[in-house]
Amino acid sequence: DGGFSDPVKSWTTAPGNWWPENVKLASGDFDGNGRDDVAAFYGYSDGR
């Protein structure tokens, strides 16, 4: 019907590994297998 089911949590990382304010997300089928993937651009505080 176009609505959404309750979310399912899959990937998790421990404290100190990823800071959400450093992440920009985008979605598309990057490998061409017919399923969309998620790209995450991570900008570190030192310019990496």
All heavy atoms as atom14 arrays in JSON, in Angstrom:
{
  "sequence": "DGGFSDPVKSWTTAPGNWWPENVKLASGDFDGNGRDDVAAFYGYSDGR",
  "atom14_mask": [
    [1, 1, 1, 1, 1, 1, 1, 1, 0, 0, 0, 0, 0, 0],
    [1, 1, 1, 1, 0, 0, 0, 0, 0, 0, 0, 0, 0, 0],
    [1, 1, 1, 1, 0, 0, 0, 0, 0, 0, 0, 0, 0, 0],
    [1, 1, 1, 1, 1, 1, 1, 1, 1, 1, 1, 0, 0, 0],
    [1, 1, 1, 1, 1, 1, 0, 0, 0, 0, 0, 0, 0, 0],
    [1, 1, 1, 1, 1, 1, 1, 1, 0, 0, 0, 0, 0, 0],
    [1, 1, 1, 1, 1, 1, 1, 0, 0, 0, 0, 0, 0, 0],
    [1, 1, 1, 1, 1, 1, 1, 0, 0, 0, 0, 0, 0, 0],
    [1, 1, 1, 1, 1, 1, 1, 1, 1, 0, 0, 0, 0, 0],
    [1, 1, 1, 1, 1, 1, 0, 0, 0, 0, 0, 0, 0, 0],
    [1, 1, 1, 1, 1, 1, 1, 1, 1, 1, 1, 1, 1, 1],
    [1, 1, 1, 1, 1, 1, 1, 0, 0, 0, 0, 0, 0, 0],
    [1, 1, 1, 1, 1, 1, 1, 0, 0, 0, 0, 0, 0, 0],
    [1, 1, 1, 1, 1, 0, 0, 0, 0, 0, 0, 0, 0, 0],
    [1, 1, 1, 1, 1, 1, 1, 0, 0, 0, 0, 0, 0, 0],
    [1, 1, 1, 1, 0, 0, 0, 0, 0, 0, 0, 0, 0, 0],
    [1, 1, 1, 1, 1, 1, 1, 1, 0, 0, 0, 0, 0, 0],
    [1, 1, 1, 1, 1, 1, 1, 1, 1, 1, 1, 1, 1, 1],
    [1, 1, 1, 1, 1, 1, 1, 1, 1, 1, 1, 1, 1, 1],
    [1, 1, 1, 1, 1, 1, 1, 0, 0, 0, 0, 0, 0, 0],
    [1, 1, 1, 1, 1, 1, 1, 1, 1, 0, 0, 0, 0, 0],
    [1, 1, 1, 1, 1, 1, 1, 1, 0, 0, 0, 0, 0, 0],
    [1, 1, 1, 1, 1, 1, 1, 0, 0, 0, 0, 0, 0, 0],
    [1, 1, 1, 1, 1, 1, 1, 1, 1, 0, 0, 0, 0, 0],
    [1, 1, 1, 1, 1, 1, 1, 1, 0, 0, 0, 0, 0, 0],
    [1, 1, 1, 1, 1, 0, 0, 0, 0, 0, 0, 0, 0, 0],
    [1, 1, 1, 1, 1, 1, 0, 0, 0, 0, 0, 0, 0, 0],
    [1, 1, 1, 1, 0, 0, 0, 0, 0, 0, 0, 0, 0, 0],
    [1, 1, 1, 1, 1, 1, 1, 1, 0, 0, 0, 0, 0, 0],
    [1, 1, 1, 1, 1, 1, 1, 1, 1, 1, 1, 0, 0, 0],
    [1, 1, 1, 1, 1, 1, 1, 1, 0, 0, 0, 0, 0, 0],
    [1, 1, 1, 1, 0, 0, 0, 0, 0, 0, 0, 0, 0, 0],
    [1, 1, 1, 1, 1, 1, 1, 1, 0, 0, 0, 0, 0, 0],
    [1, 1, 1, 1, 0, 0, 0, 0, 0, 0, 0, 0, 0, 0],
    [1, 1, 1, 1, 1, 1, 1, 1, 1, 1, 1, 0, 0, 0],
    [1, 1, 1, 1, 1, 1, 1, 1, 0, 0, 0, 0, 0, 0],
    [1, 1, 1, 1, 1, 1, 1, 1, 0, 0, 0, 0, 0, 0],
    [1, 1, 1, 1, 1, 1, 1, 0, 0, 0, 0, 0, 0, 0],
    [1, 1, 1, 1, 1, 0, 0, 0, 0, 0, 0, 0, 0, 0],
    [1, 1, 1, 1, 1, 0, 0, 0, 0, 0, 0, 0, 0, 0],
    [1, 1, 1, 1, 1, 1, 1, 1, 1, 1, 1, 0, 0, 0],
    [1, 1, 1, 1, 1, 1, 1, 1, 1, 1, 1, 1, 0, 0],
    [1, 1, 1, 1, 0, 0, 0, 0, 0, 0, 0, 0, 0, 0],
    [1, 1, 1, 1, 1, 1, 1, 1, 1, 1, 1, 1, 0, 0],
    [1, 1, 1, 1, 1, 1, 0, 0, 0, 0, 0, 0, 0, 0],
    [1, 1, 1, 1, 1, 1, 1, 1, 0, 0, 0, 0, 0, 0],
    [1, 1, 1, 1, 0, 0, 0, 0, 0, 0, 0, 0, 0, 0],
    [1, 1, 1, 1, 1, 1, 1, 1, 1, 1, 1, 0, 0, 0]
  ],
  "atom14_positions": [
    [[0.81, -1.22, 0.0], [0.0, 0.0, 0.0], [0.85, 1.27, 0.0], [0.32, 2.37, 0.07], [-0.96, 0.01, 1.19], [-0.23, 0.06, 2.54], [1.03, 0.01, 2.57], [-0.92, 0.15, 3.58], [0.0, 0.0, 0.0], [0.0, 0.0, 0.0], [0.0, 0.0, 0.0], [0.0, 0.0, 0.0], [0.0, 0.0, 0.0], [0.0, 0.0, 0.0]],
    [[2.19, 1.11, -0.07], [3.08, 2.27, -0.07], [3.52, 2.7, 1.3], [4.38, 3.58, 1.42], [0.0, 0.0, 0.0], [0.0, 0.0, 0.0], [0.0, 0.0, 0.0], [0.0, 0.0, 0.0], [0.0, 0.0, 0.0], [0.0, 0.0, 0.0], [0.0, 0.0, 0.0], [0.0, 0.0, 0.0], [0.0, 0.0, 0.0], [0.0, 0.0, 0.0]],
    [[2.94, 2.14, 2.34], [3.39, 2.42, 3.7], [4.62, 1.59, 4.04], [5.16, 0.86, 3.2], [0.0, 0.0, 0.0], [0.0, 0.0, 0.0], [0.0, 0.0, 0.0], [0.0, 0.0, 0.0], [0.0, 0.0, 0.0], [0.0, 0.0, 0.0], [0.0, 0.0, 0.0], [0.0, 0.0, 0.0], [0.0, 0.0, 0.0], [0.0, 0.0, 0.0]],
    [[5.05, 1.64, 5.31], [6.28, 0.97, 5.72], [6.05, 0.09, 6.95], [5.26, 0.42, 7.84], [7.37, 1.99, 6.03], [7.82, 2.75, 4.81], [7.22, 3.95, 4.47], [8.81, 2.25, 3.99], [7.61, 4.64, 3.34], [9.21, 2.94, 2.85], [8.62, 4.14, 2.54], [0.0, 0.0, 0.0], [0.0, 0.0, 0.0], [0.0, 0.0, 0.0]],
    [[6.76, -1.03, 6.96], [6.76, -1.91, 8.12], [7.68, -1.34, 9.2], [8.45, -0.4, 8.96], [7.25, -3.3, 7.71], [6.44, -3.85, 6.69], [0.0, 0.0, 0.0], [0.0, 0.0, 0.0], [0.0, 0.0, 0.0], [0.0, 0.0, 0.0], [0.0, 0.0, 0.0], [0.0, 0.0, 0.0], [0.0, 0.0, 0.0], [0.0, 0.0, 0.0]],
    [[7.63, -1.94, 10.39], [8.55, -1.53, 11.44], [9.99, -1.75, 10.98], [10.28, -2.72, 10.27], [8.3, -2.34, 12.71], [6.97, -1.99, 13.36], [6.45, -0.89, 13.1], [6.44, -2.84, 14.12], [0.0, 0.0, 0.0], [0.0, 0.0, 0.0], [0.0, 0.0, 0.0], [0.0, 0.0, 0.0], [0.0, 0.0, 0.0], [0.0, 0.0, 0.0]],
    [[10.92, -0.88, 11.38], [12.29, -1.0, 10.86], [13.01, -2.23, 11.42], [12.76, -2.67, 12.54], [12.95, 0.28, 11.35], [12.19, 0.65, 12.59], [10.77, 0.25, 12.31], [0.0, 0.0, 0.0], [0.0, 0.0, 0.0], [0.0, 0.0, 0.0], [0.0, 0.0, 0.0], [0.0, 0.0, 0.0], [0.0, 0.0, 0.0], [0.0, 0.0, 0.0]],
    [[13.92, -2.73, 10.6], [14.78, -3.85, 11.0], [16.21, -3.33, 11.11], [16.73, -2.73, 10.16], [14.72, -5.0, 9.97], [15.68, -6.12, 10.37], [13.3, -5.52, 9.85], [0.0, 0.0, 0.0], [0.0, 0.0, 0.0], [0.0, 0.0, 0.0], [0.0, 0.0, 0.0], [0.0, 0.0, 0.0], [0.0, 0.0, 0.0], [0.0, 0.0, 0.0]],
    [[16.84, -3.53, 12.25], [18.23, -3.08, 12.46], [19.19, -4.17, 12.01], [19.03, -5.33, 12.37], [18.46, -2.73, 13.92], [19.87, -2.23, 14.23], [20.0, -1.66, 15.63], [19.92, -2.72, 16.69], [20.21, -2.17, 18.03], [0.0, 0.0, 0.0], [0.0, 0.0, 0.0], [0.0, 0.0, 0.0], [0.0, 0.0, 0.0], [0.0, 0.0, 0.0]],
    [[20.17, -3.79, 11.2], [21.15, -4.79, 10.76], [22.55, -4.36, 11.21], [23.0, -4.73, 12.29], [21.07, -5.0, 9.25], [21.04, -3.78, 8.55], [0.0, 0.0, 0.0], [0.0, 0.0, 0.0], [0.0, 0.0, 0.0], [0.0, 0.0, 0.0], [0.0, 0.0, 0.0], [0.0, 0.0, 0.0], [0.0, 0.0, 0.0], [0.0, 0.0, 0.0]],
    [[23.22, -3.52, 10.43], [24.59, -3.14, 10.77], [24.62, -2.23, 11.99], [23.81, -1.32, 12.13], [25.21, -2.41, 9.58], [26.56, -1.82, 9.84], [27.76, -2.48, 9.86], [26.87, -0.45, 10.14], [28.79, -1.6, 10.12], [28.27, -0.35, 10.3], [26.09, 0.7, 10.26], [28.91, 0.86, 10.58], [26.71, 1.89, 10.54], [28.11, 1.97, 10.7]],
    [[25.58, -2.5, 12.88], [25.81, -1.66, 14.06], [27.31, -1.57, 14.3], [28.04, -2.54, 14.11], [25.12, -2.24, 15.31], [23.71, -2.2, 15.15], [25.48, -1.46, 16.56], [0.0, 0.0, 0.0], [0.0, 0.0, 0.0], [0.0, 0.0, 0.0], [0.0, 0.0, 0.0], [0.0, 0.0, 0.0], [0.0, 0.0, 0.0], [0.0, 0.0, 0.0]],
    [[27.76, -0.39, 14.69], [29.17, -0.24, 15.07], [29.25, 0.32, 16.48], [28.37, 1.07, 16.94], [29.92, 0.67, 14.08], [31.31, 0.67, 14.39], [29.38, 2.08, 14.1], [0.0, 0.0, 0.0], [0.0, 0.0, 0.0], [0.0, 0.0, 0.0], [0.0, 0.0, 0.0], [0.0, 0.0, 0.0], [0.0, 0.0, 0.0], [0.0, 0.0, 0.0]],
    [[30.3, -0.07, 17.18], [30.47, 0.29, 18.6], [30.77, 1.77, 18.76], [31.16, 2.46, 17.81], [31.6, -0.54, 19.2], [0.0, 0.0, 0.0], [0.0, 0.0, 0.0], [0.0, 0.0, 0.0], [0.0, 0.0, 0.0], [0.0, 0.0, 0.0], [0.0, 0.0, 0.0], [0.0, 0.0, 0.0], [0.0, 0.0, 0.0], [0.0, 0.0, 0.0]],
    [[30.59, 2.31, 19.97], [30.87, 3.72, 20.22], [32.27, 4.12, 19.79], [33.23, 3.37, 19.97], [30.7, 3.84, 21.74], [29.76, 2.75, 22.11], [30.06, 1.63, 21.18], [0.0, 0.0, 0.0], [0.0, 0.0, 0.0], [0.0, 0.0, 0.0], [0.0, 0.0, 0.0], [0.0, 0.0, 0.0], [0.0, 0.0, 0.0], [0.0, 0.0, 0.0]],
    [[32.37, 5.33, 19.2], [33.66, 5.88, 18.83], [34.14, 5.58, 17.44], [35.15, 6.13, 16.99], [0.0, 0.0, 0.0], [0.0, 0.0, 0.0], [0.0, 0.0, 0.0], [0.0, 0.0, 0.0], [0.0, 0.0, 0.0], [0.0, 0.0, 0.0], [0.0, 0.0, 0.0], [0.0, 0.0, 0.0], [0.0, 0.0, 0.0], [0.0, 0.0, 0.0]],
    [[33.42, 4.74, 16.69], [33.86, 4.39, 15.34], [33.29, 5.31, 14.27], [33.98, 5.67, 13.32], [33.47, 2.94, 15.02], [34.29, 1.94, 15.81], [35.48, 2.14, 16.05], [33.66, 0.86, 16.22], [0.0, 0.0, 0.0], [0.0, 0.0, 0.0], [0.0, 0.0, 0.0], [0.0, 0.0, 0.0], [0.0, 0.0, 0.0], [0.0, 0.0, 0.0]],
    [[31.99, 5.64, 14.37], [31.34, 6.52, 13.39], [30.61, 7.62, 14.16], [29.89, 7.33, 15.13], [30.31, 5.75, 12.55], [30.87, 4.94, 11.42], [31.83, 3.98, 11.49], [30.48, 5.03, 10.05], [32.06, 3.44, 10.25], [31.25, 4.07, 9.35], [29.56, 5.79, 9.35], [31.12, 3.87, 7.97], [29.43, 5.6, 7.99], [30.21, 4.66, 7.3]],
    [[30.78, 8.86, 13.69], [30.04, 9.98, 14.26], [29.0, 10.42, 13.24], [29.35, 10.84, 12.13], [30.99, 11.12, 14.62], [32.01, 10.69, 15.63], [33.29, 10.3, 15.39], [31.81, 10.56, 17.03], [33.91, 9.94, 16.56], [33.02, 10.09, 17.59], [30.72, 10.81, 17.88], [33.18, 9.86, 18.96], [30.87, 10.57, 19.24], [32.09, 10.1, 19.76]],
    [[27.71, 10.35, 13.56], [26.66, 10.61, 12.57], [26.75, 11.98, 11.91], [26.41, 12.13, 10.74], [25.37, 10.49, 13.39], [25.73, 9.62, 14.53], [27.16, 9.92, 14.85], [0.0, 0.0, 0.0], [0.0, 0.0, 0.0], [0.0, 0.0, 0.0], [0.0, 0.0, 0.0], [0.0, 0.0, 0.0], [0.0, 0.0, 0.0], [0.0, 0.0, 0.0]],
    [[27.22, 12.99, 12.65], [27.29, 14.33, 12.06], [28.34, 14.42, 10.95], [28.37, 15.4, 10.19], [27.58, 15.38, 13.14], [28.89, 15.19, 13.87], [28.77, 14.33, 15.13], [27.82, 13.52, 15.2], [29.63, 14.46, 16.01], [0.0, 0.0, 0.0], [0.0, 0.0, 0.0], [0.0, 0.0, 0.0], [0.0, 0.0, 0.0], [0.0, 0.0, 0.0]],
    [[29.19, 13.41, 10.82], [30.22, 13.38, 9.77], [29.77, 12.65, 8.52], [30.54, 12.55, 7.56], [31.5, 12.71, 10.29], [32.2, 13.52, 11.37], [31.8, 14.65, 11.67], [33.22, 12.96, 11.97], [0.0, 0.0, 0.0], [0.0, 0.0, 0.0], [0.0, 0.0, 0.0], [0.0, 0.0, 0.0], [0.0, 0.0, 0.0], [0.0, 0.0, 0.0]],
    [[28.54, 12.11, 8.51], [28.09, 11.21, 7.44], [27.04, 11.88, 6.55], [26.14, 12.55, 7.05], [27.49, 9.92, 8.04], [27.02, 8.97, 6.93], [28.5, 9.22, 8.93], [0.0, 0.0, 0.0], [0.0, 0.0, 0.0], [0.0, 0.0, 0.0], [0.0, 0.0, 0.0], [0.0, 0.0, 0.0], [0.0, 0.0, 0.0], [0.0, 0.0, 0.0]],
    [[27.17, 11.68, 5.23], [26.13, 12.03, 4.28], [25.77, 10.77, 3.5], [26.65, 10.08, 2.98], [26.61, 13.14, 3.35], [26.85, 14.43, 4.12], [27.21, 15.59, 3.24], [27.35, 16.85, 4.1], [27.79, 18.0, 3.3], [0.0, 0.0, 0.0], [0.0, 0.0, 0.0], [0.0, 0.0, 0.0], [0.0, 0.0, 0.0], [0.0, 0.0, 0.0]],
    [[24.45, 10.47, 3.45], [23.98, 9.23, 2.83], [23.32, 9.49, 1.49], [22.72, 10.54, 1.26], [22.95, 8.54, 3.74], [23.43, 8.02, 5.09], [22.27, 7.35, 5.82], [24.58, 7.05, 4.94], [0.0, 0.0, 0.0], [0.0, 0.0, 0.0], [0.0, 0.0, 0.0], [0.0, 0.0, 0.0], [0.0, 0.0, 0.0], [0.0, 0.0, 0.0]],
    [[23.44, 8.52, 0.61], [22.76, 8.54, -0.69], [22.47, 7.1, -1.07], [23.19, 6.18, -0.65], [23.62, 9.22, -1.74], [0.0, 0.0, 0.0], [0.0, 0.0, 0.0], [0.0, 0.0, 0.0], [0.0, 0.0, 0.0], [0.0, 0.0, 0.0], [0.0, 0.0, 0.0], [0.0, 0.0, 0.0], [0.0, 0.0, 0.0], [0.0, 0.0, 0.0]],
    [[21.43, 6.88, -1.88], [21.03, 5.51, -2.21], [20.85, 5.32, -3.7], [20.34, 6.2, -4.4], [19.72, 5.17, -1.48], [19.4, 3.82, -1.67], [0.0, 0.0, 0.0], [0.0, 0.0, 0.0], [0.0, 0.0, 0.0], [0.0, 0.0, 0.0], [0.0, 0.0, 0.0], [0.0, 0.0, 0.0], [0.0, 0.0, 0.0], [0.0, 0.0, 0.0]],
    [[21.3, 4.15, -4.2], [21.16, 3.8, -5.6], [21.71, 2.41, -5.82], [22.4, 1.85, -4.96], [0.0, 0.0, 0.0], [0.0, 0.0, 0.0], [0.0, 0.0, 0.0], [0.0, 0.0, 0.0], [0.0, 0.0, 0.0], [0.0, 0.0, 0.0], [0.0, 0.0, 0.0], [0.0, 0.0, 0.0], [0.0, 0.0, 0.0], [0.0, 0.0, 0.0]],
    [[21.46, 1.85, -6.99], [21.96, 0.51, -7.33], [23.37, 0.66, -7.89], [23.57, 0.72, -9.09], [21.03, -0.17, -8.33], [21.46, -1.59, -8.64], [22.43, -2.09, -8.02], [20.85, -2.21, -9.52], [0.0, 0.0, 0.0], [0.0, 0.0, 0.0], [0.0, 0.0, 0.0], [0.0, 0.0, 0.0], [0.0, 0.0, 0.0], [0.0, 0.0, 0.0]],
    [[24.36, 0.69, -6.99], [25.72, 1.0, -7.4], [26.44, -0.19, -8.04], [27.39, 0.0, -8.79], [26.51, 1.52, -6.2], [25.91, 2.75, -5.59], [25.45, 2.75, -4.28], [25.76, 3.92, -6.33], [24.88, 3.87, -3.71], [25.18, 5.06, -5.77], [24.74, 5.03, -4.46], [0.0, 0.0, 0.0], [0.0, 0.0, 0.0], [0.0, 0.0, 0.0]],
    [[26.01, -1.43, -7.73], [26.66, -2.6, -8.33], [25.85, -3.22, -9.46], [26.29, -4.2, -10.08], [26.98, -3.66, -7.27], [25.76, -4.13, -6.5], [24.63, -3.72, -6.86], [25.92, -4.9, -5.55], [0.0, 0.0, 0.0], [0.0, 0.0, 0.0], [0.0, 0.0, 0.0], [0.0, 0.0, 0.0], [0.0, 0.0, 0.0], [0.0, 0.0, 0.0]],
    [[24.68, -2.69, -9.74], [23.89, -3.14, -10.87], [23.23, -4.48, -10.72], [22.87, -5.13, -11.72], [0.0, 0.0, 0.0], [0.0, 0.0, 0.0], [0.0, 0.0, 0.0], [0.0, 0.0, 0.0], [0.0, 0.0, 0.0], [0.0, 0.0, 0.0], [0.0, 0.0, 0.0], [0.0, 0.0, 0.0], [0.0, 0.0, 0.0], [0.0, 0.0, 0.0]],
    [[22.99, -4.92, -9.47], [22.39, -6.24, -9.25], [20.87, -6.19, -9.08], [20.25, -7.21, -8.78], [23.03, -6.94, -8.05], [22.67, -6.29, -6.72], [22.07, -5.21, -6.69], [23.04, -6.94, -5.62], [0.0, 0.0, 0.0], [0.0, 0.0, 0.0], [0.0, 0.0, 0.0], [0.0, 0.0, 0.0], [0.0, 0.0, 0.0], [0.0, 0.0, 0.0]],
    [[20.28, -5.0, -9.26], [18.83, -4.87, -9.14], [18.33, -4.5, -7.77], [17.13, -4.29, -7.59], [0.0, 0.0, 0.0], [0.0, 0.0, 0.0], [0.0, 0.0, 0.0], [0.0, 0.0, 0.0], [0.0, 0.0, 0.0], [0.0, 0.0, 0.0], [0.0, 0.0, 0.0], [0.0, 0.0, 0.0], [0.0, 0.0, 0.0], [0.0, 0.0, 0.0]],
    [[19.23, -4.42, -6.79], [18.85, -3.96, -5.44], [19.6, -2.68, -5.12], [20.8, -2.57, -5.37], [19.17, -5.03, -4.38], [18.39, -6.3, -4.49], [18.45, -7.1, -3.19], [19.81, -7.47, -2.83], [20.39, -8.61, -3.18], [19.77, -9.49, -3.94], [21.62, -8.89, -2.8], [0.0, 0.0, 0.0], [0.0, 0.0, 0.0], [0.0, 0.0, 0.0]],
    [[18.9, -1.71, -4.53], [19.56, -0.46, -4.16], [20.5, -0.67, -2.98], [20.24, -1.47, -2.08], [18.51, 0.6, -3.79], [17.85, 1.2, -5.02], [18.46, 1.17, -6.09], [16.72, 1.7, -4.89], [0.0, 0.0, 0.0], [0.0, 0.0, 0.0], [0.0, 0.0, 0.0], [0.0, 0.0, 0.0], [0.0, 0.0, 0.0], [0.0, 0.0, 0.0]],
    [[21.58, 0.07, -3.02], [22.6, 0.08, -1.97], [22.6, 1.46, -1.3], [21.89, 2.38, -1.73], [23.98, -0.21, -2.57], [23.95, -1.37, -3.56], [23.68, -2.5, -3.11], [24.19, -1.15, -4.75], [0.0, 0.0, 0.0], [0.0, 0.0, 0.0], [0.0, 0.0, 0.0], [0.0, 0.0, 0.0], [0.0, 0.0, 0.0], [0.0, 0.0, 0.0]],
    [[23.38, 1.6, -0.26], [23.53, 2.89, 0.41], [25.0, 3.3, 0.35], [25.89, 2.53, 0.72], [23.06, 2.82, 1.87], [23.4, 4.12, 2.61], [21.56, 2.57, 1.94], [0.0, 0.0, 0.0], [0.0, 0.0, 0.0], [0.0, 0.0, 0.0], [0.0, 0.0, 0.0], [0.0, 0.0, 0.0], [0.0, 0.0, 0.0], [0.0, 0.0, 0.0]],
    [[25.25, 4.5, -0.15], [26.59, 5.08, -0.13], [26.68, 6.04, 1.05], [25.76, 6.82, 1.29], [26.9, 5.8, -1.43], [0.0, 0.0, 0.0], [0.0, 0.0, 0.0], [0.0, 0.0, 0.0], [0.0, 0.0, 0.0], [0.0, 0.0, 0.0], [0.0, 0.0, 0.0], [0.0, 0.0, 0.0], [0.0, 0.0, 0.0], [0.0, 0.0, 0.0]],
    [[27.8, 5.98, 1.76], [28.02, 6.86, 2.9], [29.32, 7.63, 2.68], [30.4, 7.02, 2.63], [28.09, 6.07, 4.2], [0.0, 0.0, 0.0], [0.0, 0.0, 0.0], [0.0, 0.0, 0.0], [0.0, 0.0, 0.0], [0.0, 0.0, 0.0], [0.0, 0.0, 0.0], [0.0, 0.0, 0.0], [0.0, 0.0, 0.0], [0.0, 0.0, 0.0]],
    [[29.21, 8.93, 2.52], [30.39, 9.79, 2.46], [30.74, 10.16, 3.89], [29.93, 10.74, 4.6], [30.12, 11.04, 1.63], [31.3, 11.96, 1.49], [32.1, 11.91, 0.36], [31.62, 12.86, 2.5], [33.2, 12.75, 0.23], [32.72, 13.69, 2.39], [33.51, 13.64, 1.25], [0.0, 0.0, 0.0], [0.0, 0.0, 0.0], [0.0, 0.0, 0.0]],
    [[31.96, 9.84, 4.3], [32.38, 10.14, 5.67], [33.49, 11.18, 5.63], [34.56, 10.95, 5.06], [32.87, 8.88, 6.39], [32.92, 9.04, 7.89], [31.88, 8.59, 8.69], [33.99, 9.67, 8.51], [31.91, 8.76, 10.07], [34.03, 9.85, 9.88], [32.98, 9.4, 10.66], [33.0, 9.57, 12.02], [0.0, 0.0, 0.0], [0.0, 0.0, 0.0]],
    [[33.24, 12.33, 6.21], [34.23, 13.4, 6.29], [34.78, 13.5, 7.7], [34.07, 13.88, 8.63], [0.0, 0.0, 0.0], [0.0, 0.0, 0.0], [0.0, 0.0, 0.0], [0.0, 0.0, 0.0], [0.0, 0.0, 0.0], [0.0, 0.0, 0.0], [0.0, 0.0, 0.0], [0.0, 0.0, 0.0], [0.0, 0.0, 0.0], [0.0, 0.0, 0.0]],
    [[36.03, 13.14, 7.86], [36.67, 13.18, 9.19], [37.01, 14.62, 9.57], [37.1, 15.51, 8.71], [37.94, 12.32, 9.17], [37.69, 10.85, 8.91], [37.58, 10.37, 7.61], [37.54, 9.95, 9.96], [37.34, 9.01, 7.36], [37.31, 8.6, 9.72], [37.21, 8.14, 8.42], [36.97, 6.8, 8.16], [0.0, 0.0, 0.0], [0.0, 0.0, 0.0]],
    [[37.24, 14.83, 10.86], [37.45, 16.2, 11.35], [38.78, 16.79, 10.92], [38.98, 18.01, 11.03], [37.35, 16.21, 12.88], [38.29, 15.32, 13.45], [0.0, 0.0, 0.0], [0.0, 0.0, 0.0], [0.0, 0.0, 0.0], [0.0, 0.0, 0.0], [0.0, 0.0, 0.0], [0.0, 0.0, 0.0], [0.0, 0.0, 0.0], [0.0, 0.0, 0.0]],
    [[39.7, 15.95, 10.42], [41.0, 16.44, 9.99], [41.11, 16.61, 8.48], [42.2, 16.83, 7.94], [42.11, 15.52, 10.48], [41.97, 14.08, 9.98], [41.01, 13.81, 9.22], [42.8, 13.23, 10.35], [0.0, 0.0, 0.0], [0.0, 0.0, 0.0], [0.0, 0.0, 0.0], [0.0, 0.0, 0.0], [0.0, 0.0, 0.0], [0.0, 0.0, 0.0]],
    [[39.99, 16.52, 7.77], [40.01, 16.69, 6.32], [40.23, 15.41, 5.55], [40.27, 15.44, 4.31], [0.0, 0.0, 0.0], [0.0, 0.0, 0.0], [0.0, 0.0, 0.0], [0.0, 0.0, 0.0], [0.0, 0.0, 0.0], [0.0, 0.0, 0.0], [0.0, 0.0, 0.0], [0.0, 0.0, 0.0], [0.0, 0.0, 0.0], [0.0, 0.0, 0.0]],
    [[40.36, 14.27, 6.24], [40.3, 12.99, 5.53], [38.86, 12.72, 5.11], [37.92, 13.27, 5.69], [40.79, 11.84, 6.43], [42.27, 11.84, 6.72], [42.63, 10.7, 7.66], [42.01, 10.87, 8.96], [41.46, 9.89, 9.7], [41.46, 8.65, 9.24], [40.94, 10.15, 10.87], [0.0, 0.0, 0.0], [0.0, 0.0, 0.0], [0.0, 0.0, 0.0]]
  ]
}
